[in-house]
Amino acid sequence: MASTISAVLAFSGTDEDISLLGVHASSATWLGCLGVIVFIASLIDLVLDRRGVANQHATAVGRLSELKLEYRQALQNTATQEGPTLEDLNKRYSDVMSTLTPIPDAQFNRLKAQHLKKVEISKILSQYPGETVRGAKKRLQTRLKQQDSMPHSGMPHHV
């Protein structure tokens, strides 16, 4: 949007004073300021590379999901000894994990808490077919409030 405004100012052809948020300056000055803002925003986007990180995480999810499926199949086939062995899968797991982008320590606990909450909501949806996601979230909140109000033996409880 800022680049669009700066283009309009550049092609307006006038050098009139423009008042924006109580600040008066010429259109050329505003054009320069907007250009700097767009440049800084572009640099920040380039450095953070949020799309690239999101793509890396999506790739990781896909590779780990595929590996999880192979583990399930291997466990089901242990009696018949078909397909890859658990040793083969463990080697593949190590290979996959060594290529994935690690989760930063500062984000790990927050992401784990979100994941565990999703798991609990999924369990509620399985237990109560037809329940909405909103209803499952409410059930979980109610259960957590009840757990918090119950005395416990000093041991932390897990959600």
N, C-alpha and C. Protein backbone atom coordinates (compact mmCIF):
# COMPACT_ATOMS: atom_id res chain seq x y z
N MET A 1 0.83 -1.18 0.00
CA MET A 1 0.00 0.00 0.00
C MET A 1 0.87 1.25 0.00
N ALA A 2 1.93 1.23 0.80
CA ALA A 2 2.82 2.38 0.86
C ALA A 2 3.47 2.63 -0.48
N SER A 3 3.80 1.54 -1.20
CA SER A 3 4.41 1.73 -2.52
C SER A 3 3.41 2.35 -3.49
N THR A 4 2.13 2.02 -3.36
CA THR A 4 1.10 2.60 -4.21
C THR A 4 0.96 4.09 -3.94
N ILE A 5 0.94 4.45 -2.67
CA ILE A 5 0.84 5.87 -2.31
C ILE A 5 2.05 6.63 -2.81
N SER A 6 3.24 6.04 -2.67
CA SER A 6 4.44 6.74 -3.14
C SER A 6 4.41 6.90 -4.66
N ALA A 7 3.88 5.91 -5.38
CA ALA A 7 3.77 6.03 -6.84
C ALA A 7 2.80 7.15 -7.21
N VAL A 8 1.69 7.27 -6.50
CA VAL A 8 0.73 8.34 -6.76
C VAL A 8 1.39 9.69 -6.52
N LEU A 9 2.14 9.82 -5.43
CA LEU A 9 2.83 11.08 -5.15
C LEU A 9 3.87 11.39 -6.23
N ALA A 10 4.57 10.37 -6.67
CA ALA A 10 5.62 10.58 -7.68
C ALA A 10 5.04 11.07 -8.99
N PHE A 11 3.89 10.55 -9.38
CA PHE A 11 3.30 10.91 -10.65
C PHE A 11 2.31 12.07 -10.57
N SER A 12 2.12 12.59 -9.36
CA SER A 12 1.17 13.71 -9.24
C SER A 12 1.69 14.96 -9.92
N GLY A 13 3.01 15.12 -9.99
CA GLY A 13 3.59 16.24 -10.72
C GLY A 13 3.57 17.55 -9.96
N THR A 14 3.00 17.56 -8.78
CA THR A 14 2.97 18.79 -8.00
C THR A 14 3.91 18.66 -6.82
N ASP A 15 4.33 19.80 -6.33
CA ASP A 15 5.20 19.81 -5.16
C ASP A 15 4.53 20.61 -4.05
N GLU A 16 3.27 20.27 -3.81
CA GLU A 16 2.50 20.97 -2.79
C GLU A 16 2.77 20.37 -1.43
N ASP A 17 2.51 21.19 -0.41
CA ASP A 17 2.62 20.69 0.95
C ASP A 17 1.43 19.79 1.25
N ILE A 18 1.73 18.65 1.88
CA ILE A 18 0.70 17.69 2.24
C ILE A 18 0.75 17.53 3.75
N SER A 19 -0.42 17.52 4.36
CA SER A 19 -0.51 17.34 5.81
C SER A 19 -1.00 15.93 6.10
N LEU A 20 -0.18 15.20 6.85
CA LEU A 20 -0.54 13.83 7.20
C LEU A 20 -0.30 13.64 8.68
N LEU A 21 -1.37 13.32 9.41
CA LEU A 21 -1.30 13.14 10.86
C LEU A 21 -0.69 14.36 11.55
N GLY A 22 -1.05 15.54 11.04
CA GLY A 22 -0.59 16.78 11.65
C GLY A 22 0.81 17.19 11.27
N VAL A 23 1.46 16.45 10.40
CA VAL A 23 2.82 16.78 9.97
C VAL A 23 2.73 17.34 8.55
N HIS A 24 3.30 18.53 8.34
CA HIS A 24 3.27 19.18 7.04
C HIS A 24 4.62 18.99 6.37
N ALA A 25 4.59 18.52 5.12
CA ALA A 25 5.82 18.36 4.35
C ALA A 25 5.46 18.36 2.87
N SER A 26 6.47 18.58 2.03
CA SER A 26 6.22 18.57 0.58
C SER A 26 5.98 17.14 0.12
N SER A 27 5.35 17.01 -1.03
CA SER A 27 5.07 15.66 -1.55
C SER A 27 6.37 14.91 -1.83
N ALA A 28 7.43 15.62 -2.21
CA ALA A 28 8.72 14.97 -2.44
C ALA A 28 9.28 14.40 -1.13
N THR A 29 9.10 15.11 -0.03
CA THR A 29 9.55 14.61 1.27
C THR A 29 8.76 13.38 1.67
N TRP A 30 7.43 13.46 1.48
CA TRP A 30 6.60 12.29 1.80
C TRP A 30 6.97 11.11 0.92
N LEU A 31 7.26 11.36 -0.33
CA LEU A 31 7.67 10.32 -1.25
C LEU A 31 8.95 9.65 -0.77
N GLY A 32 9.90 10.45 -0.34
CA GLY A 32 11.16 9.91 0.19
C GLY A 32 10.93 9.08 1.45
N CYS A 33 10.10 9.59 2.35
CA CYS A 33 9.81 8.85 3.59
C CYS A 33 9.13 7.52 3.30
N LEU A 34 8.16 7.54 2.41
CA LEU A 34 7.47 6.29 2.06
C LEU A 34 8.42 5.31 1.38
N GLY A 35 9.30 5.83 0.56
CA GLY A 35 10.29 4.96 -0.09
C GLY A 35 11.19 4.28 0.93
N VAL A 36 11.62 5.03 1.94
CA VAL A 36 12.46 4.45 3.01
C VAL A 36 11.68 3.40 3.79
N ILE A 37 10.41 3.69 4.09
CA ILE A 37 9.58 2.74 4.84
C ILE A 37 9.40 1.44 4.05
N VAL A 38 9.11 1.57 2.76
CA VAL A 38 8.94 0.37 1.92
C VAL A 38 10.24 -0.41 1.86
N PHE A 39 11.36 0.29 1.74
CA PHE A 39 12.67 -0.37 1.69
C PHE A 39 12.95 -1.14 2.99
N ILE A 40 12.71 -0.50 4.13
CA ILE A 40 12.95 -1.15 5.43
C ILE A 40 12.02 -2.36 5.60
N ALA A 41 10.76 -2.19 5.23
CA ALA A 41 9.81 -3.31 5.34
C ALA A 41 10.24 -4.48 4.45
N SER A 42 10.75 -4.17 3.26
CA SER A 42 11.23 -5.22 2.36
C SER A 42 12.43 -5.95 2.94
N LEU A 43 13.35 -5.18 3.56
CA LEU A 43 14.52 -5.80 4.19
C LEU A 43 14.12 -6.71 5.35
N ILE A 44 13.18 -6.24 6.16
CA ILE A 44 12.71 -7.05 7.29
C ILE A 44 12.08 -8.34 6.78
N ASP A 45 11.26 -8.22 5.75
CA ASP A 45 10.63 -9.41 5.15
C ASP A 45 11.67 -10.37 4.59
N LEU A 46 12.68 -9.82 3.97
CA LEU A 46 13.75 -10.63 3.40
C LEU A 46 14.54 -11.37 4.48
N VAL A 47 14.84 -10.67 5.57
CA VAL A 47 15.63 -11.27 6.65
C VAL A 47 14.81 -12.32 7.41
N LEU A 48 13.57 -12.00 7.72
CA LEU A 48 12.74 -12.94 8.49
C LEU A 48 12.32 -14.15 7.67
N ASP A 49 12.08 -13.95 6.39
CA ASP A 49 11.69 -15.02 5.46
C ASP A 49 10.62 -15.92 6.06
N ARG A 50 9.52 -15.33 6.46
CA ARG A 50 8.45 -16.09 7.11
C ARG A 50 7.86 -17.15 6.19
N ARG A 51 7.75 -16.85 4.91
CA ARG A 51 7.22 -17.85 3.97
C ARG A 51 8.16 -19.04 3.86
N GLY A 52 9.46 -18.75 3.80
CA GLY A 52 10.44 -19.83 3.71
C GLY A 52 10.42 -20.72 4.93
N VAL A 53 10.31 -20.10 6.11
CA VAL A 53 10.25 -20.88 7.35
C VAL A 53 8.97 -21.70 7.39
N ALA A 54 7.86 -21.11 6.96
CA ALA A 54 6.59 -21.84 6.93
C ALA A 54 6.68 -23.03 5.97
N ASN A 55 7.34 -22.83 4.84
CA ASN A 55 7.51 -23.94 3.89
C ASN A 55 8.39 -25.04 4.48
N GLN A 56 9.44 -24.65 5.21
CA GLN A 56 10.30 -25.65 5.86
C GLN A 56 9.51 -26.45 6.88
N HIS A 57 8.66 -25.77 7.65
CA HIS A 57 7.85 -26.46 8.65
C HIS A 57 6.83 -27.39 7.99
N ALA A 58 6.25 -26.94 6.89
CA ALA A 58 5.29 -27.79 6.17
C ALA A 58 5.99 -29.03 5.62
N THR A 59 7.19 -28.86 5.11
CA THR A 59 7.96 -30.00 4.62
C THR A 59 8.26 -30.97 5.75
N ALA A 60 8.63 -30.42 6.91
CA ALA A 60 8.94 -31.26 8.08
C ALA A 60 7.71 -32.06 8.49
N VAL A 61 6.56 -31.41 8.53
CA VAL A 61 5.33 -32.11 8.90
C VAL A 61 5.05 -33.25 7.92
N GLY A 62 5.21 -32.98 6.65
CA GLY A 62 4.96 -34.01 5.64
C GLY A 62 5.90 -35.19 5.78
N ARG A 63 7.19 -34.91 5.97
CA ARG A 63 8.17 -35.99 6.07
C ARG A 63 7.95 -36.81 7.34
N LEU A 64 7.65 -36.13 8.46
CA LEU A 64 7.44 -36.85 9.71
C LEU A 64 6.12 -37.63 9.69
N SER A 65 5.10 -37.09 9.04
CA SER A 65 3.83 -37.81 8.92
C SER A 65 4.01 -39.09 8.10
N GLU A 66 4.76 -38.97 7.02
CA GLU A 66 5.05 -40.14 6.19
C GLU A 66 5.80 -41.20 6.99
N LEU A 67 6.77 -40.75 7.77
CA LEU A 67 7.56 -41.68 8.58
C LEU A 67 6.70 -42.32 9.67
N LYS A 68 5.79 -41.55 10.24
CA LYS A 68 4.88 -42.10 11.26
C LYS A 68 4.01 -43.20 10.67
N LEU A 69 3.53 -42.99 9.47
CA LEU A 69 2.73 -44.00 8.79
C LEU A 69 3.54 -45.27 8.55
N GLU A 70 4.80 -45.11 8.15
CA GLU A 70 5.65 -46.27 7.92
C GLU A 70 5.91 -47.02 9.22
N TYR A 71 6.09 -46.30 10.34
CA TYR A 71 6.25 -46.96 11.64
C TYR A 71 5.01 -47.77 11.98
N ARG A 72 3.82 -47.17 11.77
CA ARG A 72 2.57 -47.90 12.05
C ARG A 72 2.49 -49.18 11.23
N GLN A 73 2.79 -49.06 9.95
CA GLN A 73 2.72 -50.23 9.08
C GLN A 73 3.74 -51.28 9.50
N ALA A 74 4.93 -50.83 9.90
CA ALA A 74 5.96 -51.78 10.33
C ALA A 74 5.54 -52.51 11.60
N LEU A 75 4.90 -51.78 12.53
CA LEU A 75 4.43 -52.42 13.77
C LEU A 75 3.32 -53.42 13.48
N GLN A 76 2.47 -53.12 12.51
CA GLN A 76 1.41 -54.05 12.14
C GLN A 76 1.96 -55.27 11.42
N ASN A 77 3.08 -55.10 10.74
CA ASN A 77 3.65 -56.19 9.95
C ASN A 77 4.75 -56.95 10.69
N THR A 78 4.91 -56.71 12.00
CA THR A 78 5.98 -57.40 12.71
C THR A 78 5.78 -58.91 12.72
N ALA A 79 4.53 -59.34 12.75
CA ALA A 79 4.27 -60.78 12.75
C ALA A 79 4.66 -61.41 11.41
N THR A 80 4.38 -60.71 10.32
CA THR A 80 4.68 -61.26 9.00
C THR A 80 6.09 -60.89 8.52
N GLN A 81 6.71 -59.94 9.21
CA GLN A 81 8.06 -59.45 8.89
C GLN A 81 8.16 -58.94 7.45
N GLU A 82 7.10 -58.27 7.00
CA GLU A 82 7.11 -57.65 5.68
C GLU A 82 7.57 -56.20 5.82
N GLY A 83 8.13 -55.64 4.77
CA GLY A 83 8.50 -54.23 4.74
C GLY A 83 9.75 -53.94 5.54
N PRO A 84 10.03 -52.66 5.75
CA PRO A 84 11.25 -52.28 6.45
C PRO A 84 11.20 -52.68 7.94
N THR A 85 12.37 -52.95 8.49
CA THR A 85 12.45 -53.29 9.90
C THR A 85 12.44 -52.02 10.74
N LEU A 86 12.20 -52.19 12.03
CA LEU A 86 12.25 -51.03 12.93
C LEU A 86 13.64 -50.41 12.93
N GLU A 87 14.66 -51.22 12.77
CA GLU A 87 16.03 -50.70 12.71
C GLU A 87 16.20 -49.80 11.48
N ASP A 88 15.64 -50.24 10.34
CA ASP A 88 15.69 -49.41 9.13
C ASP A 88 14.96 -48.09 9.35
N LEU A 89 13.80 -48.16 9.97
CA LEU A 89 13.01 -46.95 10.21
C LEU A 89 13.70 -46.03 11.21
N ASN A 90 14.34 -46.59 12.22
CA ASN A 90 15.07 -45.76 13.18
C ASN A 90 16.21 -45.01 12.49
N LYS A 91 16.88 -45.66 11.57
CA LYS A 91 17.95 -45.03 10.80
C LYS A 91 17.37 -43.90 9.94
N ARG A 92 16.24 -44.20 9.30
CA ARG A 92 15.59 -43.18 8.47
C ARG A 92 15.12 -42.00 9.32
N TYR A 93 14.61 -42.30 10.52
CA TYR A 93 14.18 -41.25 11.44
C TYR A 93 15.35 -40.33 11.78
N SER A 94 16.49 -40.90 12.08
CA SER A 94 17.68 -40.10 12.38
C SER A 94 18.07 -39.23 11.19
N ASP A 95 18.00 -39.80 10.00
CA ASP A 95 18.33 -39.04 8.79
C ASP A 95 17.38 -37.87 8.59
N VAL A 96 16.07 -38.13 8.75
CA VAL A 96 15.07 -37.08 8.57
C VAL A 96 15.26 -35.99 9.62
N MET A 97 15.42 -36.37 10.87
CA MET A 97 15.56 -35.38 11.94
C MET A 97 16.80 -34.51 11.77
N SER A 98 17.86 -35.08 11.20
CA SER A 98 19.09 -34.31 11.02
C SER A 98 18.95 -33.24 9.95
N THR A 99 17.95 -33.36 9.08
CA THR A 99 17.78 -32.38 8.00
C THR A 99 16.72 -31.33 8.29
N LEU A 100 15.97 -31.50 9.38
CA LEU A 100 14.89 -30.57 9.68
C LEU A 100 15.40 -29.33 10.41
N THR A 101 14.72 -28.21 10.17
CA THR A 101 15.03 -26.98 10.88
C THR A 101 14.57 -27.13 12.32
N PRO A 102 15.46 -26.93 13.30
CA PRO A 102 15.06 -27.09 14.69
C PRO A 102 14.10 -25.99 15.15
N ILE A 103 13.27 -26.35 16.11
CA ILE A 103 12.36 -25.36 16.72
C ILE A 103 13.17 -24.56 17.73
N PRO A 104 13.14 -23.23 17.65
CA PRO A 104 13.89 -22.43 18.62
C PRO A 104 13.41 -22.69 20.04
N ASP A 105 14.35 -22.76 20.98
CA ASP A 105 14.02 -23.03 22.38
C ASP A 105 12.97 -22.06 22.92
N ALA A 106 13.06 -20.80 22.52
CA ALA A 106 12.13 -19.79 23.03
C ALA A 106 10.69 -20.07 22.61
N GLN A 107 10.48 -20.83 21.54
CA GLN A 107 9.14 -21.11 21.05
C GLN A 107 8.65 -22.51 21.40
N PHE A 108 9.55 -23.37 21.86
CA PHE A 108 9.21 -24.78 22.03
C PHE A 108 8.03 -25.00 22.99
N ASN A 109 8.09 -24.43 24.19
CA ASN A 109 7.03 -24.70 25.18
C ASN A 109 5.67 -24.18 24.71
N ARG A 110 5.65 -23.01 24.08
CA ARG A 110 4.39 -22.46 23.57
C ARG A 110 3.82 -23.37 22.48
N LEU A 111 4.67 -23.82 21.58
CA LEU A 111 4.20 -24.70 20.50
C LEU A 111 3.77 -26.06 21.03
N LYS A 112 4.49 -26.57 22.03
CA LYS A 112 4.10 -27.86 22.62
C LYS A 112 2.74 -27.74 23.31
N ALA A 113 2.53 -26.62 24.02
CA ALA A 113 1.24 -26.42 24.69
C ALA A 113 0.11 -26.36 23.66
N GLN A 114 0.34 -25.67 22.54
CA GLN A 114 -0.68 -25.62 21.48
C GLN A 114 -0.96 -27.01 20.92
N HIS A 115 0.10 -27.77 20.72
CA HIS A 115 -0.06 -29.12 20.18
C HIS A 115 -0.87 -30.00 21.15
N LEU A 116 -0.50 -29.97 22.43
CA LEU A 116 -1.21 -30.79 23.41
C LEU A 116 -2.68 -30.39 23.52
N LYS A 117 -2.95 -29.11 23.38
CA LYS A 117 -4.34 -28.65 23.40
C LYS A 117 -5.09 -29.21 22.20
N LYS A 118 -4.46 -29.20 21.02
CA LYS A 118 -5.09 -29.76 19.83
C LYS A 118 -5.35 -31.25 19.99
N VAL A 119 -4.41 -31.96 20.61
CA VAL A 119 -4.58 -33.40 20.84
C VAL A 119 -5.79 -33.64 21.73
N GLU A 120 -5.90 -32.87 22.81
CA GLU A 120 -7.04 -33.03 23.73
C GLU A 120 -8.35 -32.71 23.04
N ILE A 121 -8.38 -31.67 22.22
CA ILE A 121 -9.60 -31.32 21.49
C ILE A 121 -9.95 -32.44 20.52
N SER A 122 -8.95 -33.02 19.88
CA SER A 122 -9.18 -34.14 18.97
C SER A 122 -9.78 -35.34 19.71
N LYS A 123 -9.27 -35.61 20.91
CA LYS A 123 -9.81 -36.71 21.71
C LYS A 123 -11.27 -36.46 22.07
N ILE A 124 -11.59 -35.22 22.42
CA ILE A 124 -12.97 -34.87 22.78
C ILE A 124 -13.87 -35.06 21.55
N LEU A 125 -13.40 -34.62 20.38
CA LEU A 125 -14.20 -34.77 19.16
C LEU A 125 -14.42 -36.24 18.84
N SER A 126 -13.44 -37.09 19.13
CA SER A 126 -13.61 -38.53 18.89
C SER A 126 -14.58 -39.14 19.89
N GLN A 127 -14.53 -38.65 21.13
CA GLN A 127 -15.39 -39.18 22.19
C GLN A 127 -16.84 -38.74 21.99
N TYR A 128 -17.03 -37.54 21.45
CA TYR A 128 -18.38 -37.00 21.26
C TYR A 128 -18.60 -36.68 19.79
N PRO A 129 -18.92 -37.69 18.98
CA PRO A 129 -19.15 -37.44 17.54
C PRO A 129 -20.25 -36.40 17.34
N GLY A 130 -20.03 -35.52 16.41
CA GLY A 130 -21.02 -34.47 16.15
C GLY A 130 -20.74 -33.20 16.92
N GLU A 131 -19.83 -33.25 17.87
CA GLU A 131 -19.47 -32.07 18.65
C GLU A 131 -18.74 -31.08 17.74
N THR A 132 -19.00 -29.82 17.95
CA THR A 132 -18.28 -28.80 17.17
C THR A 132 -16.92 -28.55 17.81
N VAL A 133 -16.03 -27.96 17.05
CA VAL A 133 -14.71 -27.63 17.59
C VAL A 133 -14.88 -26.63 18.74
N ARG A 134 -15.76 -25.67 18.56
CA ARG A 134 -16.01 -24.68 19.62
C ARG A 134 -16.51 -25.38 20.88
N GLY A 135 -17.43 -26.34 20.72
CA GLY A 135 -17.94 -27.08 21.87
C GLY A 135 -16.85 -27.90 22.54
N ALA A 136 -15.98 -28.50 21.74
CA ALA A 136 -14.87 -29.28 22.30
C ALA A 136 -13.92 -28.38 23.08
N LYS A 137 -13.68 -27.18 22.56
CA LYS A 137 -12.82 -26.23 23.29
C LYS A 137 -13.44 -25.84 24.62
N LYS A 138 -14.76 -25.65 24.63
CA LYS A 138 -15.45 -25.30 25.87
C LYS A 138 -15.38 -26.46 26.87
N ARG A 139 -15.57 -27.69 26.38
CA ARG A 139 -15.45 -28.86 27.26
C ARG A 139 -14.06 -28.93 27.89
N LEU A 140 -13.04 -28.67 27.07
CA LEU A 140 -11.67 -28.71 27.57
C LEU A 140 -11.44 -27.62 28.61
N GLN A 141 -11.93 -26.42 28.36
CA GLN A 141 -11.77 -25.33 29.32
C GLN A 141 -12.47 -25.67 30.64
N THR A 142 -13.66 -26.23 30.54
CA THR A 142 -14.40 -26.62 31.75
C THR A 142 -13.62 -27.68 32.53
N ARG A 143 -13.10 -28.68 31.82
CA ARG A 143 -12.32 -29.73 32.47
C ARG A 143 -11.08 -29.17 33.14
N LEU A 144 -10.40 -28.25 32.47
CA LEU A 144 -9.20 -27.65 33.05
C LEU A 144 -9.51 -26.83 34.30
N LYS A 145 -10.63 -26.10 34.26
CA LYS A 145 -11.04 -25.32 35.45
C LYS A 145 -11.35 -26.25 36.61
N GLN A 146 -12.02 -27.38 36.32
CA GLN A 146 -12.33 -28.35 37.38
C GLN A 146 -11.06 -28.95 37.94
N GLN A 147 -10.10 -29.26 37.09
CA GLN A 147 -8.83 -29.83 37.56
C GLN A 147 -8.07 -28.83 38.42
N ASP A 148 -8.11 -27.55 38.03
CA ASP A 148 -7.40 -26.53 38.80
C ASP A 148 -8.01 -26.33 40.18
N SER A 149 -9.33 -26.53 40.29
CA SER A 149 -9.99 -26.32 41.56
C SER A 149 -9.87 -27.52 42.50
N MET A 150 -9.47 -28.69 41.95
CA MET A 150 -9.34 -29.89 42.79
C MET A 150 -7.98 -29.89 43.49
N PRO A 151 -7.98 -30.29 44.77
CA PRO A 151 -6.68 -30.39 45.44
C PRO A 151 -5.89 -31.54 44.85
N HIS A 152 -4.58 -31.35 44.79
CA HIS A 152 -3.73 -32.42 44.25
C HIS A 152 -2.58 -32.65 45.21
N SER A 153 -1.85 -33.68 44.95
CA SER A 153 -0.81 -34.12 45.88
C SER A 153 0.49 -33.35 45.73
N GLY A 154 0.45 -32.19 45.12
CA GLY A 154 1.67 -31.45 44.93
C GLY A 154 2.37 -31.76 43.63
N MET A 155 1.89 -32.79 42.96
CA MET A 155 2.47 -33.15 41.67
C MET A 155 1.81 -32.30 40.60
N PRO A 156 2.60 -31.82 39.65
CA PRO A 156 1.98 -31.06 38.57
C PRO A 156 1.10 -31.95 37.72
N HIS A 157 0.01 -31.41 37.25
CA HIS A 157 -0.87 -32.20 36.40
C HIS A 157 -0.68 -31.73 34.96
N HIS A 158 -0.90 -32.64 34.04
CA HIS A 158 -0.67 -32.34 32.63
C HIS A 158 -1.99 -32.28 31.91
N VAL A 159 -2.06 -31.40 30.94
CA VAL A 159 -3.25 -31.25 30.13
C VAL A 159 -3.23 -32.23 29.00
